Protein backbone atom coordinates (compact mmCIF):
# COMPACT_ATOMS: atom_id res chain seq x y z
CA MET A 1 120.75 89.50 69.55
CA ALA A 2 118.71 87.03 72.45
CA ILE A 3 115.61 88.39 71.33
CA LYS A 4 116.72 86.97 67.89
CA GLN A 5 117.38 83.73 69.13
CA VAL A 6 113.99 83.34 71.06
CA LEU A 7 112.03 84.52 67.64
CA ASN A 8 113.63 82.07 65.50
CA LYS A 9 112.94 79.10 68.22
CA VAL A 10 109.34 80.22 68.01
CA ARG A 11 109.35 80.31 64.27
CA SER A 12 110.37 76.56 64.12
CA VAL A 13 108.07 75.74 66.49
CA LYS A 14 105.30 73.61 64.25
CA ASN A 15 102.49 74.36 66.61
CA ILE A 16 103.03 77.81 66.78
CA GLU A 17 98.87 78.14 66.97
CA VAL A 18 98.94 75.73 70.07
CA ILE A 19 101.06 78.45 72.28
CA ILE A 20 99.53 81.07 71.10
CA ALA A 21 95.95 79.68 72.35
CA VAL A 22 97.48 79.08 75.80
CA ILE A 23 99.21 82.03 76.13
CA ILE A 24 96.04 83.97 75.26
CA CYS A 25 93.93 81.19 77.62
CA ILE A 26 96.66 82.68 80.25
CA VAL A 27 95.87 85.96 80.37
CA ILE A 28 92.10 85.76 80.30
CA VAL A 29 92.17 83.99 83.03
CA LEU A 30 94.69 86.90 85.07
CA LEU A 31 92.25 89.24 84.00
CA PHE A 32 89.67 87.79 85.60
CA ALA A 33 91.37 86.79 88.57
CA SER A 34 92.68 90.08 89.12
CA THR A 35 88.87 91.92 88.86
CA PHE A 36 87.58 89.23 91.24
CA VAL A 37 90.41 89.95 93.92
CA ARG A 38 89.79 93.92 92.77
CA GLU A 39 85.98 93.35 93.68
CA ASN A 40 86.23 92.10 97.06
CA THR A 41 89.21 94.58 98.02
CA GLU A 42 86.90 97.43 96.80
CA SER A 43 83.91 96.33 99.23
CA ILE A 44 86.38 95.82 102.11
CA ASP A 45 88.15 99.12 101.66
CA ALA A 46 84.39 101.07 101.66
CA SER A 47 83.09 99.12 104.39
CA PHE A 48 86.39 100.26 106.61
CA SER A 49 86.06 103.43 104.93
CA SER A 50 82.28 103.98 105.85
CA TYR A 51 83.55 102.84 109.56
CA VAL A 52 85.86 105.86 109.85
CA MET A 53 83.78 108.64 108.25
CA GLY A 54 80.73 107.39 110.66
CA LEU A 55 83.58 107.77 113.67
CA GLU A 56 84.57 110.89 112.54
CA GLU A 57 81.50 112.48 112.26
CA LYS A 58 80.03 111.37 115.58
CA LEU A 59 83.34 113.00 117.28
CA GLN A 60 82.78 115.91 115.00
CA GLN A 61 79.31 116.36 116.06
CA VAL A 62 79.92 115.67 120.04
CA ILE A 63 83.11 118.34 119.45
CA SER A 64 80.97 120.91 118.20
CA ALA A 65 78.18 121.17 120.71
CA MET A 66 80.50 121.63 123.25
CA ASN A 67 80.61 125.30 124.74
CA GLY A 68 83.03 127.40 123.52
CA VAL A 69 83.48 125.50 120.38
CA GLU A 70 82.37 126.02 116.63
CA LYS A 71 83.47 124.86 113.35
CA THR A 72 85.25 121.34 113.50
CA GLU A 73 87.13 118.90 111.86
CA VAL A 74 88.20 115.18 113.13
CA ALA A 75 90.96 113.21 111.85
CA ILE A 76 91.55 109.94 112.64
CA SER A 77 94.42 107.67 111.99
CA PHE A 78 94.56 103.54 111.98
CA LYS A 79 97.23 101.22 112.42
CA SER A 80 95.07 98.75 109.90
CA GLY A 81 91.79 98.01 109.25
CA THR A 82 88.72 95.87 110.82
CA GLU A 83 89.58 92.42 111.94
CA LYS A 84 87.44 89.26 112.05
CA VAL A 85 87.46 86.71 114.38
CA TYR A 86 86.19 83.52 112.68
CA ALA A 87 83.88 80.59 114.30
CA PHE A 88 86.52 76.93 113.77
CA GLU A 89 85.69 73.58 114.52
CA THR A 90 88.09 70.81 115.36
CA ILE A 91 87.10 67.44 113.55
CA ILE A 92 88.99 64.03 114.93
CA LYS A 93 90.07 61.44 112.98
CA THR A 94 91.19 58.46 114.36
CA SER A 95 92.38 55.94 111.33
CA GLY A 96 94.85 52.58 112.54
CA GLY A 97 95.26 53.60 115.82
CA ILE A 98 96.25 57.29 114.85
CA THR A 99 94.57 59.87 115.95
CA THR A 100 94.84 63.35 113.97
CA GLU A 101 93.03 66.61 114.75
CA GLU A 102 92.36 68.98 111.89
CA THR A 103 91.05 72.59 112.51
CA GLN A 104 88.40 74.07 109.49
CA ILE A 105 86.77 77.62 109.37
CA VAL A 106 82.79 76.83 109.61
CA THR A 107 80.75 77.99 107.13
CA ALA A 108 77.60 78.71 106.21
CA GLN A 109 75.81 78.83 102.95
CA GLY A 110 79.84 78.93 101.20
CA GLN A 111 80.59 82.06 103.60
CA PRO A 112 82.85 81.71 106.75
CA VAL A 113 80.81 82.13 109.79
CA VAL A 114 82.38 85.66 111.55
CA LEU A 115 81.92 85.24 115.46
CA LYS A 116 82.88 88.77 115.90
CA GLU A 117 84.63 92.17 114.17
CA LEU A 118 87.53 94.02 116.30
CA ALA A 119 87.60 97.56 115.74
CA PRO A 120 90.96 98.81 114.81
CA ASP A 121 93.78 99.97 116.76
CA ILE A 122 93.67 103.79 117.04
CA LEU A 123 97.19 105.28 116.14
CA GLY A 124 95.86 109.39 116.70
CA VAL A 125 93.30 111.83 116.20
CA VAL A 126 93.79 115.39 115.37
CA VAL A 127 90.98 118.08 115.90
CA VAL A 128 90.86 121.25 114.41
CA ALA A 129 88.37 123.57 116.01
CA GLN A 130 87.58 126.97 116.69
CA GLY A 131 87.29 128.31 119.88
CA ALA A 132 90.58 125.78 120.87
CA ASP A 133 92.85 128.91 121.29
CA ASP A 134 91.66 128.52 125.16
CA VAL A 135 93.11 125.91 126.99
CA ALA A 136 90.31 125.15 129.13
CA VAL A 137 88.36 124.52 125.79
CA ARG A 138 91.42 122.30 124.36
CA LEU A 139 91.14 120.31 127.61
CA ARG A 140 87.56 119.72 127.31
CA ILE A 141 87.84 118.52 123.66
CA VAL A 142 91.26 116.43 124.59
CA GLN A 143 89.07 114.61 127.79
CA ALA A 144 85.58 114.12 125.49
CA VAL A 145 88.23 112.25 122.58
CA VAL A 146 89.80 110.27 125.22
CA THR A 147 86.40 109.07 126.53
CA LEU A 148 84.79 108.50 123.54
CA LEU A 149 87.43 106.45 121.87
CA GLY A 150 89.04 104.77 125.02
CA ILE A 151 92.58 105.94 123.79
CA ASP A 152 95.43 107.42 125.62
CA GLY A 153 95.44 111.69 125.64
CA SER A 154 98.80 111.72 124.22
CA LYS A 155 97.38 109.89 120.91
CA VAL A 156 95.14 113.57 120.92
CA GLN A 157 96.24 116.99 119.25
CA VAL A 158 94.03 120.00 119.11
CA PHE A 159 94.50 122.71 117.12
CA SER A 160 92.63 126.13 116.34
């Protein structure tokens, strides 16, 4: 019943073409905006994904080269993605005896200046390796992962 009332009100509006044009414009703007947001997050995801894959591959190579270890698979889980630290500048303005400070991100060619990129926190590492049945081999694998990643041994699990 409420739908019929809304339709009757829309039909009674004299400039229905204007309303339809505004709705179409809003839909087009929303579609373009979602495309730009999706492209940006996809590039961030691809960068983080390549970082993870490279780290896992490096660990896999090191562990596979160890005495007594054969086929190896490594999986690393992270707390979050990489974190960027941006350059800031403080602008001090004095007007009428009142001093105000304003902090802004420094940009170069329209892009924010990144001072450094911090690696994400590692939640855990799982290693599956042939030869890990041997306790000594398992211990060496854990020690290698702890040393290479700088994490606590309790975050490393090794399986055969």
